[in-house]
Amino acid sequence: MDEQTKTELEAAVFRRLVEHLRNRTDVQNIDMMNLAGFCRNCLSNWYQDAAVDKGLDLEKAAAREIVYGMPYEEWKAKHQSEASEEQKAAFEKNRPQH
């Protein structure tokens, strides 16, 4: 597989992942962190890092809007619930170091 095709496939997979996460608003970020070690915020941070690596100035809020499909504060108000004590404890125990 040539590099251009590989890049195009990776981009398509990223877009599909983002769309999937936008549709699965029932899945809380803390649950993703506890199970997979990353969440929507991590994904937006990685997006921002990639932009900076390319010499682009992408603000954190703009990167989050790309991932969430709306301003982060709007998404939180519509979809984020308060984390339970069990979720918080699991997060502290398994906190990713990225």
C-alpha atoms as a PDB file:
ATOM      1  CA  MET A   1       0.000   0.000   0.000  1.00  0.00           C
ATOM      2  CA  ASP A   2       1.408   3.395  -0.918  1.00  0.00           C
ATOM      3  CA  GLU A   3       1.689   6.191   1.677  1.00  0.00           C
ATOM      4  CA  GLN A   4      -1.027   8.373   0.110  1.00  0.00           C
ATOM      5  CA  THR A   5      -3.546   5.540   0.238  1.00  0.00           C
ATOM      6  CA  LYS A   6      -2.527   4.713   3.801  1.00  0.00           C
ATOM      7  CA  THR A   7      -3.011   8.356   4.836  1.00  0.00           C
ATOM      8  CA  GLU A   8      -6.417   8.491   3.137  1.00  0.00           C
ATOM      9  CA  LEU A   9      -7.538   5.307   4.898  1.00  0.00           C
ATOM     10  CA  GLU A  10      -6.315   6.582   8.259  1.00  0.00           C
ATOM     11  CA  ALA A  11      -8.189   9.845   7.720  1.00  0.00           C
ATOM     12  CA  ALA A  12     -11.368   7.945   6.827  1.00  0.00           C
ATOM     13  CA  VAL A  13     -11.035   5.815   9.972  1.00  0.00           C
ATOM     14  CA  PHE A  14     -10.529   8.949  12.092  1.00  0.00           C
ATOM     15  CA  ARG A  15     -13.647  10.572  10.607  1.00  0.00           C
ATOM     16  CA  ARG A  16     -15.638   7.404  11.280  1.00  0.00           C
ATOM     17  CA  LEU A  17     -14.390   7.246  14.884  1.00  0.00           C
ATOM     18  CA  VAL A  18     -15.309  10.897  15.472  1.00  0.00           C
ATOM     19  CA  GLU A  19     -18.763  10.382  13.957  1.00  0.00           C
ATOM     20  CA  HIS A  20     -19.269   7.283  16.097  1.00  0.00           C
ATOM     21  CA  LEU A  21     -18.326   9.196  19.259  1.00  0.00           C
ATOM     22  CA  ARG A  22     -20.626  12.079  18.303  1.00  0.00           C
ATOM     23  CA  ASN A  23     -23.504   9.621  17.972  1.00  0.00           C
ATOM     24  CA  ARG A  24     -22.730   7.773  21.206  1.00  0.00           C
ATOM     25  CA  THR A  25     -23.475  10.626  23.578  1.00  0.00           C
ATOM     26  CA  ASP A  26     -24.557   8.023  26.138  1.00  0.00           C
ATOM     27  CA  VAL A  27     -20.909   7.012  26.550  1.00  0.00           C
ATOM     28  CA  GLN A  28     -19.318   9.304  29.093  1.00  0.00           C
ATOM     29  CA  ASN A  29     -15.706  10.440  28.756  1.00  0.00           C
ATOM     30  CA  ILE A  30     -14.819   9.084  32.194  1.00  0.00           C
ATOM     31  CA  ASP A  31     -16.050   5.633  31.144  1.00  0.00           C
ATOM     32  CA  MET A  32     -13.893   5.808  28.028  1.00  0.00           C
ATOM     33  CA  MET A  33     -10.911   6.844  30.139  1.00  0.00           C
ATOM     34  CA  ASN A  34     -11.486   4.038  32.616  1.00  0.00           C
ATOM     35  CA  LEU A  35     -11.891   1.381  29.930  1.00  0.00           C
ATOM     36  CA  ALA A  36      -9.678   2.542  27.074  1.00  0.00           C
ATOM     37  CA  GLY A  37      -7.295   5.100  28.558  1.00  0.00           C
ATOM     38  CA  PHE A  38      -8.453   7.913  26.279  1.00  0.00           C
ATOM     39  CA  CYS A  39     -11.569   9.999  25.674  1.00  0.00           C
ATOM     40  CA  ARG A  40     -12.929  12.688  23.386  1.00  0.00           C
ATOM     41  CA  ASN A  41     -10.791  15.309  25.118  1.00  0.00           C
ATOM     42  CA  CYS A  42      -7.658  13.230  24.548  1.00  0.00           C
ATOM     43  CA  LEU A  43      -8.576  12.868  20.902  1.00  0.00           C
ATOM     44  CA  SER A  44      -9.022  16.615  20.551  1.00  0.00           C
ATOM     45  CA  ASN A  45      -5.683  17.200  22.321  1.00  0.00           C
ATOM     46  CA  TRP A  46      -3.976  14.827  19.890  1.00  0.00           C
ATOM     47  CA  TYR A  47      -5.622  16.659  17.005  1.00  0.00           C
ATOM     48  CA  GLN A  48      -4.323  19.957  18.357  1.00  0.00           C
ATOM     49  CA  ASP A  49      -0.836  18.454  18.815  1.00  0.00           C
ATOM     50  CA  ALA A  50      -0.854  17.247  15.199  1.00  0.00           C
ATOM     51  CA  ALA A  51      -1.828  20.720  14.003  1.00  0.00           C
ATOM     52  CA  VAL A  52       0.980  22.306  16.014  1.00  0.00           C
ATOM     53  CA  ASP A  53       3.418  19.733  14.579  1.00  0.00           C
ATOM     54  CA  LYS A  54       2.393  20.980  11.138  1.00  0.00           C
ATOM     55  CA  GLY A  55       2.968  24.593  12.154  1.00  0.00           C
ATOM     56  CA  LEU A  56      -0.728  25.426  12.487  1.00  0.00           C
ATOM     57  CA  ASP A  57      -2.240  27.464  15.300  1.00  0.00           C
ATOM     58  CA  LEU A  58      -5.293  25.522  16.479  1.00  0.00           C
ATOM     59  CA  GLU A  59      -6.869  26.563  19.762  1.00  0.00           C
ATOM     60  CA  LYS A  60      -7.996  23.928  22.243  1.00  0.00           C
ATOM     61  CA  ALA A  61     -11.644  25.001  21.900  1.00  0.00           C
ATOM     62  CA  ALA A  62     -11.483  24.656  18.116  1.00  0.00           C
ATOM     63  CA  ALA A  63      -9.937  21.187  18.343  1.00  0.00           C
ATOM     64  CA  ARG A  64     -12.644  20.110  20.775  1.00  0.00           C
ATOM     65  CA  GLU A  65     -15.354  21.431  18.472  1.00  0.00           C
ATOM     66  CA  ILE A  66     -13.910  19.314  15.651  1.00  0.00           C
ATOM     67  CA  VAL A  67     -14.200  16.195  17.806  1.00  0.00           C
ATOM     68  CA  TYR A  68     -17.470  16.979  19.593  1.00  0.00           C
ATOM     69  CA  GLY A  69     -19.243  18.512  16.591  1.00  0.00           C
ATOM     70  CA  MET A  70     -20.279  21.478  18.720  1.00  0.00           C
ATOM     71  CA  PRO A  71     -18.709  23.752  21.319  1.00  0.00           C
ATOM     72  CA  TYR A  72     -17.486  21.672  24.266  1.00  0.00           C
ATOM     73  CA  GLU A  73     -19.553  23.583  26.828  1.00  0.00           C
ATOM     74  CA  GLU A  74     -22.694  22.915  24.780  1.00  0.00           C
ATOM     75  CA  TRP A  75     -21.877  19.197  24.580  1.00  0.00           C
ATOM     76  CA  LYS A  76     -21.275  19.042  28.333  1.00  0.00           C
ATOM     77  CA  ALA A  77     -24.582  20.763  29.069  1.00  0.00           C
ATOM     78  CA  LYS A  78     -26.494  18.401  26.761  1.00  0.00           C
ATOM     79  CA  HIS A  79     -24.767  15.085  27.380  1.00  0.00           C
ATOM     80  CA  GLN A  80     -22.378  14.954  30.331  1.00  0.00           C
ATOM     81  CA  SER A  81     -23.571  13.576  33.636  1.00  0.00           C
ATOM     82  CA  GLU A  82     -21.890  13.818  37.026  1.00  0.00           C
ATOM     83  CA  ALA A  83     -19.351  11.040  37.535  1.00  0.00           C
ATOM     84  CA  SER A  84     -20.127   8.572  40.278  1.00  0.00           C
ATOM     85  CA  GLU A  85     -17.734   7.990  43.152  1.00  0.00           C
ATOM     86  CA  GLU A  86     -16.901   4.595  41.631  1.00  0.00           C
ATOM     87  CA  GLN A  87     -16.077   6.176  38.270  1.00  0.00           C
ATOM     88  CA  LYS A  88     -13.885   8.798  39.945  1.00  0.00           C
ATOM     89  CA  ALA A  89     -12.055   6.162  42.008  1.00  0.00           C
ATOM     90  CA  ALA A  90     -11.435   4.010  38.931  1.00  0.00           C
ATOM     91  CA  PHE A  91     -10.135   7.057  37.071  1.00  0.00           C
ATOM     92  CA  GLU A  92      -7.690   7.913  39.848  1.00  0.00           C
ATOM     93  CA  LYS A  93      -6.473   4.310  39.985  1.00  0.00           C
ATOM     94  CA  ASN A  94      -6.008   3.976  36.204  1.00  0.00           C
ATOM     95  CA  ARG A  95      -5.210   7.568  35.233  1.00  0.00           C
ATOM     96  CA  PRO A  96      -3.401   7.484  31.861  1.00  0.00           C
ATOM     97  CA  GLN A  97      -0.044   9.195  31.651  1.00  0.00           C
ATOM     98  CA  HIS A  98      -0.340  10.685  28.141  1.00  0.00           C
END
